């Protein structure tokens, strides 16, 4: 009986944890903020970009595909590539 209760308790604790999943977004770059290391797309969404992702080669007006994870309201970009 204790084993069953311990299992259910562990499931309840783990089930309540916030999980971030990878997602993709595409659009045209509306703004780049090099000091905050962020990019804003034409739909108004602003994404924080990981420090190891380079923003140097990007230009306003360029169509891109972003891969990001979301935790709460924060969207963290892990890769940026030109959209096809």
Protein backbone atom coordinates (compact mmCIF):
# COMPACT_ATOMS: atom_id res chain seq x y z
CA UNK A 1 0.00 0.00 0.00
CA UNK A 2 2.84 2.41 0.81
CA UNK A 3 4.40 1.76 -2.58
CA UNK A 4 1.18 2.67 -4.35
CA UNK A 5 0.77 5.87 -2.33
CA UNK A 6 4.41 6.84 -2.93
CA UNK A 7 3.94 6.28 -6.66
CA UNK A 8 0.85 8.48 -6.78
CA UNK A 9 2.57 11.18 -4.73
CA UNK A 10 5.54 11.20 -7.12
CA UNK A 11 3.21 11.39 -10.13
CA UNK A 12 1.36 14.35 -8.61
CA UNK A 13 4.59 16.23 -7.92
CA UNK A 14 6.06 15.58 -11.37
CA UNK A 15 2.76 16.25 -13.11
CA UNK A 16 2.59 19.75 -11.66
CA UNK A 17 6.00 20.80 -12.96
CA UNK A 18 6.14 23.34 -15.79
CA UNK A 19 7.55 21.83 -18.95
CA UNK A 20 8.99 23.78 -21.88
CA UNK A 21 8.56 22.36 -25.37
CA UNK A 22 10.38 23.30 -28.56
CA UNK A 23 8.29 25.13 -31.14
CA UNK A 24 8.86 26.95 -34.42
CA UNK A 25 7.80 30.36 -35.66
CA UNK A 26 8.37 32.09 -38.96
CA UNK A 27 8.03 35.67 -40.02
CA UNK A 28 9.81 38.80 -41.13
CA UNK A 29 12.23 40.52 -38.78
CA UNK A 30 10.74 43.81 -37.63
CA UNK A 31 13.41 44.74 -35.04
CA UNK A 32 16.74 43.48 -33.67
CA UNK A 33 17.97 44.48 -30.22
CA UNK A 34 21.64 43.59 -29.94
CA UNK A 35 21.92 44.81 -26.33
CA UNK A 36 19.03 42.62 -25.12
CA UNK A 37 19.90 39.88 -27.65
CA UNK A 38 16.31 39.70 -28.89
CA UNK A 39 14.42 39.70 -32.16
CA UNK A 40 10.90 40.96 -32.91
CA UNK A 41 8.91 39.57 -35.82
CA UNK A 42 6.33 41.39 -37.94
CA UNK A 43 3.50 39.85 -35.88
CA UNK A 44 4.76 41.76 -32.81
CA UNK A 45 6.16 38.73 -30.93
CA UNK A 46 9.53 39.35 -29.29
CA UNK A 47 11.89 36.45 -28.63
CA UNK A 48 14.93 36.31 -26.36
CA UNK A 49 17.82 34.74 -28.28
CA UNK A 50 20.35 32.41 -26.66
CA UNK A 51 23.81 33.98 -26.35
CA UNK A 52 25.38 31.32 -28.59
CA UNK A 53 23.01 32.20 -31.48
CA UNK A 54 24.56 34.93 -33.65
CA UNK A 55 22.45 37.92 -34.64
CA UNK A 56 25.20 39.64 -36.65
CA UNK A 57 24.14 38.31 -40.06
CA UNK A 58 20.44 39.10 -39.65
CA UNK A 59 18.72 42.12 -41.23
CA UNK A 60 15.40 43.89 -40.69
CA UNK A 61 12.99 42.72 -43.39
CA UNK A 62 14.58 39.25 -43.65
CA UNK A 63 12.24 36.24 -43.53
CA UNK A 64 13.35 33.73 -40.88
CA UNK A 65 12.39 30.51 -39.13
CA UNK A 66 12.93 30.45 -35.34
CA UNK A 67 13.14 27.40 -33.12
CA UNK A 68 12.32 28.31 -29.52
CA UNK A 69 11.14 27.00 -26.20
CA UNK A 70 8.55 28.77 -24.09
CA UNK A 71 8.47 28.93 -20.32
CA UNK A 72 5.65 31.11 -19.05
CA UNK A 73 5.68 34.28 -21.15
CA UNK A 74 9.37 33.98 -22.07
CA UNK A 75 10.24 32.57 -25.50
CA UNK A 76 13.92 31.56 -25.80
CA UNK A 77 15.26 31.10 -29.33
CA UNK A 78 17.74 28.26 -29.83
CA UNK A 79 18.22 28.69 -33.60
CA UNK A 80 17.47 31.15 -36.39
CA UNK A 81 17.68 30.29 -40.08
CA UNK A 82 16.44 31.88 -43.32
CA UNK A 83 12.89 30.88 -44.21
CA UNK A 84 12.41 28.98 -47.45
